[in-house]
């Protein structure tokens, strides 16, 4: 039986073909589904990498402004605010996940 993924490929609602298990061997699917822990780890790793990149961009813009290479003050301010917002977002997500984990651990079985 062939599954038609043309709708999902053109819309932003559904998964792409690469995100589904269609066309993958059982070993590939098992390797991907070994546990949610790896998935959470990747999500948080990507989130912290993005935050580090925005922080580095902010530092570069600030340095350029200080040494006189950048005449656009709003650009530096936007980079700084973007970095600050990303960091606050990361802390909020981390705190929510830790709260959820501690609630789960307190639950008696």
Protein backbone atom coordinates (compact mmCIF):
# COMPACT_ATOMS: atom_id res chain seq x y z
CA UNK A 1 0.00 0.00 0.00
CA UNK A 2 1.43 3.37 -1.04
CA UNK A 3 0.88 6.43 1.13
CA UNK A 4 0.40 9.72 -0.69
CA UNK A 5 2.44 12.39 1.11
CA UNK A 6 1.87 15.11 -1.48
CA UNK A 7 -0.38 17.10 0.85
CA UNK A 8 2.10 16.93 3.71
CA UNK A 9 5.01 17.80 1.46
CA UNK A 10 3.38 21.04 0.34
CA UNK A 11 1.80 22.14 3.62
CA UNK A 12 3.42 23.23 6.84
CA UNK A 13 0.99 21.29 9.00
CA UNK A 14 2.23 17.76 8.58
CA UNK A 15 5.61 16.09 8.70
CA UNK A 16 7.94 15.95 5.74
CA UNK A 17 8.89 12.63 4.21
CA UNK A 18 12.22 12.77 6.02
CA UNK A 19 10.42 13.10 9.37
CA UNK A 20 8.24 10.02 8.89
CA UNK A 21 9.22 6.39 9.10
CA UNK A 22 8.00 5.74 5.54
CA UNK A 23 10.77 4.36 3.37
CA UNK A 24 13.10 3.60 6.28
CA UNK A 25 14.29 0.21 7.35
CA UNK A 26 13.31 -1.16 10.74
CA UNK A 27 16.87 -0.69 12.05
CA UNK A 28 16.83 3.03 11.16
CA UNK A 29 13.47 3.52 12.86
CA UNK A 30 14.56 1.62 15.98
CA UNK A 31 17.75 3.65 16.23
CA UNK A 32 15.76 6.89 16.09
CA UNK A 33 13.18 5.72 18.65
CA UNK A 34 15.52 4.44 21.37
CA UNK A 35 14.12 6.93 23.83
CA UNK A 36 12.81 10.39 24.41
CA UNK A 37 15.86 11.29 26.47
CA UNK A 38 17.96 11.61 23.33
CA UNK A 39 15.26 13.75 21.75
CA UNK A 40 15.11 16.10 24.73
CA UNK A 41 18.87 16.25 24.81
CA UNK A 42 19.01 17.28 21.16
CA UNK A 43 16.29 19.90 21.62
CA UNK A 44 18.08 21.51 24.56
CA UNK A 45 21.46 21.23 22.87
CA UNK A 46 20.12 23.02 19.78
CA UNK A 47 18.46 25.65 21.96
CA UNK A 48 21.65 26.40 23.87
CA UNK A 49 23.70 26.48 20.66
CA UNK A 50 21.29 29.04 19.19
CA UNK A 51 21.58 31.11 22.36
CA UNK A 52 25.37 30.96 22.22
CA UNK A 53 25.30 32.10 18.59
CA UNK A 54 23.08 35.10 19.36
CA UNK A 55 25.27 35.98 22.33
CA UNK A 56 28.38 35.83 20.16
CA UNK A 57 26.66 37.99 17.53
CA UNK A 58 25.81 40.53 20.23
CA UNK A 59 29.41 40.60 21.46
CA UNK A 60 30.70 41.11 17.92
CA UNK A 61 28.28 43.98 17.28
CA UNK A 62 29.20 45.60 20.60
CA UNK A 63 32.92 45.26 19.88
CA UNK A 64 32.47 46.76 16.41
CA UNK A 65 30.62 49.71 17.91
CA UNK A 66 33.29 50.29 20.56
CA UNK A 67 36.20 50.26 18.09
CA UNK A 68 34.31 52.44 15.62
CA UNK A 69 33.59 49.94 12.84
CA UNK A 70 29.82 50.10 13.36
CA UNK A 71 27.86 53.32 13.02
CA UNK A 72 24.45 51.68 13.44
CA UNK A 73 23.60 51.80 17.16
CA UNK A 74 20.12 50.24 16.77
CA UNK A 75 21.67 47.17 15.13
CA UNK A 76 23.82 46.60 18.20
CA UNK A 77 20.87 47.17 20.52
CA UNK A 78 18.71 44.69 18.61
CA UNK A 79 21.46 42.07 18.77
CA UNK A 80 21.79 42.61 22.53
CA UNK A 81 18.04 42.36 23.13
CA UNK A 82 17.80 39.27 20.95
CA UNK A 83 20.54 37.62 22.97
CA UNK A 84 18.90 38.61 26.25
CA UNK A 85 15.50 37.30 25.18
CA UNK A 86 16.97 33.99 23.99
CA UNK A 87 18.76 33.52 27.31
CA UNK A 88 15.63 34.31 29.34
CA UNK A 89 13.62 31.93 27.17
CA UNK A 90 16.16 29.14 27.74
CA UNK A 91 16.05 29.66 31.49
CA UNK A 92 12.26 29.62 31.50
CA UNK A 93 12.11 26.40 29.49
CA UNK A 94 14.76 24.78 31.68
CA UNK A 95 12.92 25.76 34.85
CA UNK A 96 9.60 24.45 33.51
CA UNK A 97 11.19 21.13 32.56
CA UNK A 98 12.84 20.80 35.97
CA UNK A 99 9.55 21.61 37.71
CA UNK A 100 7.76 18.98 35.63
CA UNK A 101 10.50 16.44 36.38
CA UNK A 102 10.30 17.11 40.12
CA UNK A 103 6.49 16.78 40.01
CA UNK A 104 6.83 13.45 38.24
CA UNK A 105 9.38 12.26 40.78
CA UNK A 106 7.06 13.20 43.67
CA UNK A 107 4.25 11.12 42.21
CA UNK A 108 3.78 7.84 44.04
CA UNK A 109 3.23 4.74 42.00
